Amino acid sequence: MRHARRLSANLEQEANVRRWCGQRGLTLRITNEGHHWQIADGGFLAEWWPSSAKLVIGKKWHDGIHCHDYKQALKVIEDFYRKKRH
């Protein structure tokens, strides 16, 4: 039940996440009925599964980061993305 709530609460924020991505030149792709979010720019990829709260950056599966909500996920993504660009 908690996983379904987490998924729907984050899906309600899709427009905000798309706006956030657009402001940074990133794209948002949501697949698998909202269970898999991909934020990318071609050379950068962050994947997030809201229902399991797992965030993976650059396919580093063993370095998964626990993020329960989109704000937390976006903060981590922004930190990684900023470091990658500099």
PDB file of N, CA and C in Angstrom:
ATOM      1  N   MET A   1       0.831  -1.204   0.000  1.00  0.00           N
ATOM      2  CA  MET A   1       0.000   0.000   0.000  1.00  0.00           C
ATOM      3  C   MET A   1       0.867   1.258   0.000  1.00  0.00           C
ATOM      4  N   ARG A   2       1.896   1.245   0.840  1.00  0.00           N
ATOM      5  CA  ARG A   2       2.785   2.401   0.933  1.00  0.00           C
ATOM      6  C   ARG A   2       3.453   2.678  -0.415  1.00  0.00           C
ATOM      7  N   HIS A   3       3.799   1.596  -1.147  1.00  0.00           N
ATOM      8  CA  HIS A   3       4.449   1.764  -2.443  1.00  0.00           C
ATOM      9  C   HIS A   3       3.505   2.425  -3.446  1.00  0.00           C
ATOM     10  N   ALA A   4       2.246   2.031  -3.429  1.00  0.00           N
ATOM     11  CA  ALA A   4       1.252   2.626  -4.331  1.00  0.00           C
ATOM     12  C   ALA A   4       1.042   4.100  -4.005  1.00  0.00           C
ATOM     13  N   ARG A   5       1.001   4.438  -2.721  1.00  0.00           N
ATOM     14  CA  ARG A   5       0.850   5.851  -2.319  1.00  0.00           C
ATOM     15  C   ARG A   5       2.049   6.670  -2.781  1.00  0.00           C
ATOM     16  N   ARG A   6       3.239   6.104  -2.595  1.00  0.00           N
ATOM     17  CA  ARG A   6       4.460   6.801  -2.996  1.00  0.00           C
ATOM     18  C   ARG A   6       4.449   7.063  -4.500  1.00  0.00           C
ATOM     19  N   LEU A   7       4.033   6.049  -5.269  1.00  0.00           N
ATOM     20  CA  LEU A   7       3.980   6.182  -6.719  1.00  0.00           C
ATOM     21  C   LEU A   7       2.986   7.263  -7.131  1.00  0.00           C
ATOM     22  N   SER A   8       1.767   7.228  -6.607  1.00  0.00           N
ATOM     23  CA  SER A   8       0.751   8.205  -7.025  1.00  0.00           C
ATOM     24  C   SER A   8       1.109   9.612  -6.569  1.00  0.00           C
ATOM     25  N   ALA A   9       1.679   9.754  -5.380  1.00  0.00           N
ATOM     26  CA  ALA A   9       2.066  11.088  -4.894  1.00  0.00           C
ATOM     27  C   ALA A   9       3.120  11.707  -5.798  1.00  0.00           C
ATOM     28  N   ASN A  10       4.055  10.904  -6.276  1.00  0.00           N
ATOM     29  CA  ASN A  10       5.093  11.432  -7.150  1.00  0.00           C
ATOM     30  C   ASN A  10       4.571  11.675  -8.562  1.00  0.00           C
ATOM     31  N   LEU A  11       3.691  10.803  -9.049  1.00  0.00           N
ATOM     32  CA  LEU A  11       3.122  11.011 -10.384  1.00  0.00           C
ATOM     33  C   LEU A  11       2.320  12.311 -10.456  1.00  0.00           C
ATOM     34  N   GLU A  12       1.721  12.711  -9.341  1.00  0.00           N
ATOM     35  CA  GLU A  12       0.984  13.982  -9.310  1.00  0.00           C
ATOM     36  C   GLU A  12       1.912  15.173  -9.565  1.00  0.00           C
ATOM     37  N   GLN A  13       3.194  14.996  -9.372  1.00  0.00           N
ATOM     38  CA  GLN A  13       4.171  16.077  -9.539  1.00  0.00           C
ATOM     39  C   GLN A  13       4.884  16.030 -10.888  1.00  0.00           C
ATOM     40  N   GLU A  14       4.399  15.214 -11.799  1.00  0.00           N
ATOM     41  CA  GLU A  14       5.069  15.048 -13.089  1.00  0.00           C
ATOM     42  C   GLU A  14       5.299  16.380 -13.800  1.00  0.00           C
ATOM     43  N   ALA A  15       4.311  17.262 -13.811  1.00  0.00           N
ATOM     44  CA  ALA A  15       4.463  18.554 -14.498  1.00  0.00           C
ATOM     45  C   ALA A  15       5.594  19.373 -13.879  1.00  0.00           C
ATOM     46  N   ASN A  16       5.692  19.353 -12.551  1.00  0.00           N
ATOM     47  CA  ASN A  16       6.776  20.081 -11.879  1.00  0.00           C
ATOM     48  C   ASN A  16       8.135  19.498 -12.230  1.00  0.00           C
ATOM     49  N   VAL A  17       8.214  18.183 -12.299  1.00  0.00           N
ATOM     50  CA  VAL A  17       9.482  17.532 -12.634  1.00  0.00           C
ATOM     51  C   VAL A  17       9.858  17.838 -14.079  1.00  0.00           C
ATOM     52  N   ARG A  18       8.875  17.818 -14.985  1.00  0.00           N
ATOM     53  CA  ARG A  18       9.157  18.156 -16.392  1.00  0.00           C
ATOM     54  C   ARG A  18       9.668  19.591 -16.512  1.00  0.00           C
ATOM     55  N   ARG A  19       9.066  20.495 -15.764  1.00  0.00           N
ATOM     56  CA  ARG A  19       9.501  21.897 -15.775  1.00  0.00           C
ATOM     57  C   ARG A  19      10.940  22.002 -15.264  1.00  0.00           C
ATOM     58  N   TRP A  20      11.220  21.342 -14.162  1.00  0.00           N
ATOM     59  CA  TRP A  20      12.554  21.333 -13.562  1.00  0.00           C
ATOM     60  C   TRP A  20      13.579  20.824 -14.577  1.00  0.00           C
ATOM     61  N   CYS A  21      13.242  19.730 -15.257  1.00  0.00           N
ATOM     62  CA  CYS A  21      14.140  19.158 -16.264  1.00  0.00           C
ATOM     63  C   CYS A  21      14.359  20.135 -17.416  1.00  0.00           C
ATOM     64  N   GLY A  22      13.273  20.729 -17.900  1.00  0.00           N
ATOM     65  CA  GLY A  22      13.367  21.670 -19.011  1.00  0.00           C
ATOM     66  C   GLY A  22      14.255  22.856 -18.701  1.00  0.00           C
ATOM     67  N   GLN A  23      14.202  23.334 -17.474  1.00  0.00           N
ATOM     68  CA  GLN A  23      15.029  24.473 -17.068  1.00  0.00           C
ATOM     69  C   GLN A  23      16.513  24.123 -17.069  1.00  0.00           C
ATOM     70  N   ARG A  24      16.839  22.848 -17.015  1.00  0.00           N
ATOM     71  CA  ARG A  24      18.231  22.406 -16.948  1.00  0.00           C
ATOM     72  C   ARG A  24      18.689  21.713 -18.228  1.00  0.00           C
ATOM     73  N   GLY A  25      17.841  21.710 -19.246  1.00  0.00           N
ATOM     74  CA  GLY A  25      18.206  21.062 -20.500  1.00  0.00           C
ATOM     75  C   GLY A  25      18.165  19.539 -20.429  1.00  0.00           C
ATOM     76  N   LEU A  26      17.387  19.014 -19.497  1.00  0.00           N
ATOM     77  CA  LEU A  26      17.252  17.568 -19.335  1.00  0.00           C
ATOM     78  C   LEU A  26      15.887  17.116 -19.837  1.00  0.00           C
ATOM     79  N   THR A  27      15.769  15.852 -20.153  1.00  0.00           N
ATOM     80  CA  THR A  27      14.477  15.307 -20.561  1.00  0.00           C
ATOM     81  C   THR A  27      13.999  14.304 -19.516  1.00  0.00           C
ATOM     82  N   LEU A  28      12.692  14.202 -19.395  1.00  0.00           N
ATOM     83  CA  LEU A  28      12.071  13.243 -18.479  1.00  0.00           C
ATOM     84  C   LEU A  28      11.279  12.239 -19.297  1.00  0.00           C
ATOM     85  N   ARG A  29      11.522  10.971 -19.034  1.00  0.00           N
ATOM     86  CA  ARG A  29      10.764   9.895 -19.673  1.00  0.00           C
ATOM     87  C   ARG A  29      10.229   8.998 -18.564  1.00  0.00           C
ATOM     88  N   ILE A  30       8.923   8.799 -18.558  1.00  0.00           N
ATOM     89  CA  ILE A  30       8.298   7.946 -17.544  1.00  0.00           C
ATOM     90  C   ILE A  30       7.693   6.736 -18.250  1.00  0.00           C
ATOM     91  N   THR A  31       8.101   5.545 -17.816  1.00  0.00           N
ATOM     92  CA  THR A  31       7.620   4.311 -18.441  1.00  0.00           C
ATOM     93  C   THR A  31       7.095   3.355 -17.369  1.00  0.00           C
ATOM     94  N   ASN A  32       6.613   2.211 -17.836  1.00  0.00           N
ATOM     95  CA  ASN A  32       6.130   1.150 -16.950  1.00  0.00           C
ATOM     96  C   ASN A  32       5.047   1.673 -15.996  1.00  0.00           C
ATOM     97  N   GLU A  33       4.093   2.394 -16.561  1.00  0.00           N
ATOM     98  CA  GLU A  33       2.950   2.932 -15.803  1.00  0.00           C
ATOM     99  C   GLU A  33       3.386   3.778 -14.610  1.00  0.00           C
ATOM    100  N   GLY A  34       4.468   4.524 -14.803  1.00  0.00           N
ATOM    101  CA  GLY A  34       4.934   5.443 -13.768  1.00  0.00           C
ATOM    102  C   GLY A  34       5.975   4.878 -12.831  1.00  0.00           C
ATOM    103  N   HIS A  35       6.287   3.603 -12.987  1.00  0.00           N
ATOM    104  CA  HIS A  35       7.233   2.971 -12.062  1.00  0.00           C
ATOM    105  C   HIS A  35       8.691   3.266 -12.385  1.00  0.00           C
ATOM    106  N   HIS A  36       8.997   3.727 -13.594  1.00  0.00           N
ATOM    107  CA  HIS A  36      10.385   3.944 -14.009  1.00  0.00           C
ATOM    108  C   HIS A  36      10.514   5.342 -14.610  1.00  0.00           C
ATOM    109  N   TRP A  37      11.294   6.199 -13.958  1.00  0.00           N
ATOM    110  CA  TRP A  37      11.528   7.563 -14.428  1.00  0.00           C
ATOM    111  C   TRP A  37      12.967   7.664 -14.903  1.00  0.00           C
ATOM    112  N   GLN A  38      13.176   8.261 -16.078  1.00  0.00           N
ATOM    113  CA  GLN A  38      14.523   8.467 -16.596  1.00  0.00           C
ATOM    114  C   GLN A  38      14.713   9.953 -16.871  1.00  0.00           C
ATOM    115  N   ILE A  39      15.768  10.502 -16.312  1.00  0.00           N
ATOM    116  CA  ILE A  39      16.128  11.902 -16.540  1.00  0.00           C
ATOM    117  C   ILE A  39      17.484  11.881 -17.221  1.00  0.00           C
ATOM    118  N   ALA A  40      17.558  12.492 -18.412  1.00  0.00           N
ATOM    119  CA  ALA A  40      18.772  12.357 -19.215  1.00  0.00           C
ATOM    120  C   ALA A  40      19.056  13.601 -20.046  1.00  0.00           C
ATOM    121  N   ASP A  41      20.298  13.669 -20.539  1.00  0.00           N
ATOM    122  CA  ASP A  41      20.661  14.714 -21.496  1.00  0.00           C
ATOM    123  C   ASP A  41      21.507  14.165 -22.637  1.00  0.00           C
ATOM    124  N   GLY A  42      21.573  12.875 -22.783  1.00  0.00           N
ATOM    125  CA  GLY A  42      22.415  12.268 -23.814  1.00  0.00           C
ATOM    126  C   GLY A  42      23.623  11.593 -23.185  1.00  0.00           C
ATOM    127  N   GLY A  43      24.410  12.350 -22.426  1.00  0.00           N
ATOM    128  CA  GLY A  43      25.576  11.779 -21.769  1.00  0.00           C
ATOM    129  C   GLY A  43      25.345  11.481 -20.301  1.00  0.00           C
ATOM    130  N   PHE A  44      24.208  11.904 -19.784  1.00  0.00           N
ATOM    131  CA  PHE A  44      23.885  11.737 -18.368  1.00  0.00           C
ATOM    132  C   PHE A  44      22.575  10.975 -18.258  1.00  0.00           C
ATOM    133  N   LEU A  45      22.511  10.025 -17.337  1.00  0.00           N
ATOM    134  CA  LEU A  45      21.268   9.284 -17.129  1.00  0.00           C
ATOM    135  C   LEU A  45      21.062   9.014 -15.645  1.00  0.00           C
ATOM    136  N   ALA A  46      19.911   9.426 -15.156  1.00  0.00           N
ATOM    137  CA  ALA A  46      19.479   9.093 -13.797  1.00  0.00           C
ATOM    138  C   ALA A  46      18.177   8.320 -13.930  1.00  0.00           C
ATOM    139  N   GLU A  47      18.077   7.202 -13.234  1.00  0.00           N
ATOM    140  CA  GLU A  47      16.869   6.385 -13.270  1.00  0.00           C
ATOM    141  C   GLU A  47      16.325   6.266 -11.858  1.00  0.00           C
ATOM    142  N   TRP A  48      15.017   6.448 -11.732  1.00  0.00           N
ATOM    143  CA  TRP A  48      14.380   6.433 -10.416  1.00  0.00           C
ATOM    144  C   TRP A  48      13.122   5.591 -10.472  1.00  0.00           C
ATOM    145  N   TRP A  49      12.959   4.787  -9.455  1.00  0.00           N
ATOM    146  CA  TRP A  49      11.771   3.954  -9.294  1.00  0.00           C
ATOM    147  C   TRP A  49      11.050   4.445  -8.045  1.00  0.00           C
ATOM    148  N   PRO A  50      10.044   5.326  -8.188  1.00  0.00           N
ATOM    149  CA  PRO A  50       9.374   5.910  -7.022  1.00  0.00           C
ATOM    150  C   PRO A  50       8.788   4.883  -6.058  1.00  0.00           C
ATOM    151  N   SER A  51       8.208   3.805  -6.572  1.00  0.00           N
ATOM    152  CA  SER A  51       7.547   2.856  -5.673  1.00  0.00           C
ATOM    153  C   SER A  51       8.540   2.119  -4.775  1.00  0.00           C
ATOM    154  N   SER A  52       9.770   1.918  -5.244  1.00  0.00           N
ATOM    155  CA  SER A  52      10.782   1.261  -4.403  1.00  0.00           C
ATOM    156  C   SER A  52      11.772   2.267  -3.823  1.00  0.00           C
ATOM    157  N   ALA A  53      11.637   3.539  -4.205  1.00  0.00           N
ATOM    158  CA  ALA A  53      12.482   4.629  -3.705  1.00  0.00           C
ATOM    159  C   ALA A  53      13.951   4.448  -4.089  1.00  0.00           C
ATOM    160  N   LYS A  54      14.214   3.814  -5.235  1.00  0.00           N
ATOM    161  CA  LYS A  54      15.598   3.594  -5.662  1.00  0.00           C
ATOM    162  C   LYS A  54      15.965   4.541  -6.796  1.00  0.00           C
ATOM    163  N   LEU A  55      17.102   5.212  -6.628  1.00  0.00           N
ATOM    164  CA  LEU A  55      17.652   6.115  -7.643  1.00  0.00           C
ATOM    165  C   LEU A  55      19.016   5.579  -8.045  1.00  0.00           C
ATOM    166  N   VAL A  56      19.235   5.444  -9.358  1.00  0.00           N
ATOM    167  CA  VAL A  56      20.516   4.964  -9.879  1.00  0.00           C
ATOM    168  C   VAL A  56      21.017   5.986 -10.891  1.00  0.00           C
ATOM    169  N   ILE A  57      22.269   6.380 -10.744  1.00  0.00           N
ATOM    170  CA  ILE A  57      22.857   7.355 -11.663  1.00  0.00           C
ATOM    171  C   ILE A  57      23.946   6.668 -12.477  1.00  0.00           C
ATOM    172  N   GLY A  58      23.864   6.830 -13.803  1.00  0.00           N
ATOM    173  CA  GLY A  58      24.883   6.274 -14.687  1.00  0.00           C
ATOM    174  C   GLY A  58      24.989   4.756 -14.648  1.00  0.00           C
ATOM    175  N   LYS A  59      23.871   4.074 -14.473  1.00  0.00           N
ATOM    176  CA  LYS A  59      23.813   2.600 -14.484  1.00  0.00           C
ATOM    177  C   LYS A  59      24.674   1.955 -13.399  1.00  0.00           C
ATOM    178  N   LYS A  60      24.999   2.704 -12.356  1.00  0.00           N
ATOM    179  CA  LYS A  60      25.791   2.149 -11.247  1.00  0.00           C
ATOM    180  C   LYS A  60      24.831   1.493 -10.251  1.00  0.00           C
ATOM    181  N   TRP A  61      24.367   0.301 -10.624  1.00  0.00           N
ATOM    182  CA  TRP A  61      23.318  -0.386  -9.873  1.00  0.00           C
ATOM    183  C   TRP A  61      23.702  -0.645  -8.424  1.00  0.00           C
ATOM    184  N   HIS A  62      24.975  -0.939  -8.173  1.00  0.00           N
ATOM    185  CA  HIS A  62      25.418  -1.237  -6.806  1.00  0.00           C
ATOM    186  C   HIS A  62      25.487   0.017  -5.934  1.00  0.00           C
ATOM    187  N   ASP A  63      25.394   1.189  -6.552  1.00  0.00           N
ATOM    188  CA  ASP A  63      25.427   2.454  -5.810  1.00  0.00           C
ATOM    189  C   ASP A  63      24.052   3.113  -5.746  1.00  0.00           C
ATOM    190  N   GLY A  64      22.997   2.322  -5.655  1.00  0.00           N
ATOM    191  CA  GLY A  64      21.647   2.876  -5.599  1.00  0.00           C
ATOM    192  C   GLY A  64      21.465   3.800  -4.401  1.00  0.00           C
ATOM    193  N   ILE A  65      20.690   4.848  -4.601  1.00  0.00           N
ATOM    194  CA  ILE A  65      20.447   5.859  -3.569  1.00  0.00           C
ATOM    195  C   ILE A  65      18.968   5.799  -3.198  1.00  0.00           C
ATOM    196  N   HIS A  66      18.676   5.822  -1.915  1.00  0.00           N
ATOM    197  CA  HIS A  66      17.295   5.743  -1.435  1.00  0.00           C
ATOM    198  C   HIS A  66      16.656   7.139  -1.473  1.00  0.00           C
ATOM    199  N   CYS A  67      15.639   7.327  -2.312  1.00  0.00           N
ATOM    200  CA  CYS A  67      14.936   8.612  -2.434  1.00  0.00           C
ATOM    201  C   CYS A  67      13.436   8.353  -2.446  1.00  0.00           C
ATOM    202  N   HIS A  68      12.751   8.798  -1.396  1.00  0.00           N
ATOM    203  CA  HIS A  68      11.317   8.527  -1.273  1.00  0.00           C
ATOM    204  C   HIS A  68      10.447   9.428  -2.127  1.00  0.00           C
ATOM    205  N   ASP A  69      10.876  10.677  -2.336  1.00  0.00           N
ATOM    206  CA  ASP A  69      10.012  11.572  -3.106  1.00  0.00           C
ATOM    207  C   ASP A  69      10.806  12.320  -4.166  1.00  0.00           C
ATOM    208  N   TYR A  70      10.065  12.932  -5.082  1.00  0.00           N
ATOM    209  CA  TYR A  70      10.693  13.565  -6.233  1.00  0.00           C
ATOM    210  C   TYR A  70      11.632  14.697  -5.833  1.00  0.00           C
ATOM    211  N   LYS A  71      11.317  15.435  -4.769  1.00  0.00           N
ATOM    212  CA  LYS A  71      12.194  16.542  -4.361  1.00  0.00           C
ATOM    213  C   LYS A  71      13.554  16.021  -3.930  1.00  0.00           C
ATOM    214  N   GLN A  72      13.539  14.960  -3.177  1.00  0.00           N
ATOM    215  CA  GLN A  72      14.784  14.336  -2.726  1.00  0.00           C
ATOM    216  C   GLN A  72      15.569  13.810  -3.937  1.00  0.00           C
ATOM    217  N   ALA A  73      14.884  13.141  -4.846  1.00  0.00           N
ATOM    218  CA  ALA A  73      15.538  12.595  -6.040  1.00  0.00           C
ATOM    219  C   ALA A  73      16.141  13.709  -6.889  1.00  0.00           C
ATOM    220  N   LEU A  74      15.384  14.791  -7.099  1.00  0.00           N
ATOM    221  CA  LEU A  74      15.888  15.883  -7.933  1.00  0.00           C
ATOM    222  C   LEU A  74      17.094  16.569  -7.309  1.00  0.00           C
ATOM    223  N   LYS A  75      17.126  16.676  -6.000  1.00  0.00           N
ATOM    224  CA  LYS A  75      18.279  17.289  -5.332  1.00  0.00           C
ATOM    225  C   LYS A  75      19.537  16.451  -5.578  1.00  0.00           C
ATOM    226  N   VAL A  76      19.423  15.140  -5.425  1.00  0.00           N
ATOM    227  CA  VAL A  76      20.566  14.255  -5.658  1.00  0.00           C
ATOM    228  C   VAL A  76      20.985  14.318  -7.126  1.00  0.00           C
ATOM    229  N   ILE A  77      20.003  14.277  -8.032  1.00  0.00           N
ATOM    230  CA  ILE A  77      20.294  14.335  -9.466  1.00  0.00           C
ATOM    231  C   ILE A  77      21.002  15.639  -9.803  1.00  0.00           C
ATOM    232  N   GLU A  78      20.510  16.748  -9.266  1.00  0.00           N
ATOM    233  CA  GLU A  78      21.131  18.042  -9.563  1.00  0.00           C
ATOM    234  C   GLU A  78      22.577  18.080  -9.097  1.00  0.00           C
ATOM    235  N   ASP A  79      22.850  17.559  -7.909  1.00  0.00           N
ATOM    236  CA  ASP A  79      24.228  17.528  -7.404  1.00  0.00           C
ATOM    237  C   ASP A  79      25.136  16.722  -8.333  1.00  0.00           C
ATOM    238  N   PHE A  80      24.702  15.539  -8.753  1.00  0.00           N
ATOM    239  CA  PHE A  80      25.492  14.708  -9.656  1.00  0.00           C
ATOM    240  C   PHE A  80      25.664  15.388 -11.011  1.00  0.00           C
ATOM    241  N   TYR A  81      24.589  15.953 -11.530  1.00  0.00           N
ATOM    242  CA  TYR A  81      24.625  16.571 -12.856  1.00  0.00           C
ATOM    243  C   TYR A  81      25.556  17.777 -12.860  1.00  0.00           C
ATOM    244  N   ARG A  82      25.510  18.577 -11.817  1.00  0.00           N
ATOM    245  CA  ARG A  82      26.370  19.756 -11.719  1.00  0.00           C
ATOM    246  C   ARG A  82      27.836  19.334 -11.697  1.00  0.00           C
ATOM    247  N   LYS A  83      28.158  18.290 -10.935  1.00  0.00           N
ATOM    248  CA  LYS A  83      29.544  17.797 -10.862  1.00  0.00           C
ATOM    249  C   LYS A  83      30.005  17.276 -12.216  1.00  0.00           C
ATOM    250  N   LYS A  84      29.116  16.607 -12.939  1.00  0.00           N
ATOM    251  CA  LYS A  84      29.466  16.041 -14.241  1.00  0.00           C
ATOM    252  C   LYS A  84      29.807  17.131 -15.250  1.00  0.00           C
ATOM    253  N   ARG A  85      29.122  18.252 -15.162  1.00  0.00           N
ATOM    254  CA  ARG A  85      29.328  19.325 -16.143  1.00  0.00           C
ATOM    255  C   ARG A  85      30.572  20.149 -15.867  1.00  0.00           C
ATOM    256  N   HIS A  86      31.117  20.089 -14.665  1.00  0.00           N
ATOM    257  CA  HIS A  86      32.284  20.924 -14.333  1.00  0.00           C
ATOM    258  C   HIS A  86      33.555  20.129 -14.322  1.00  0.00           C
TER     259      HIS A  86
END
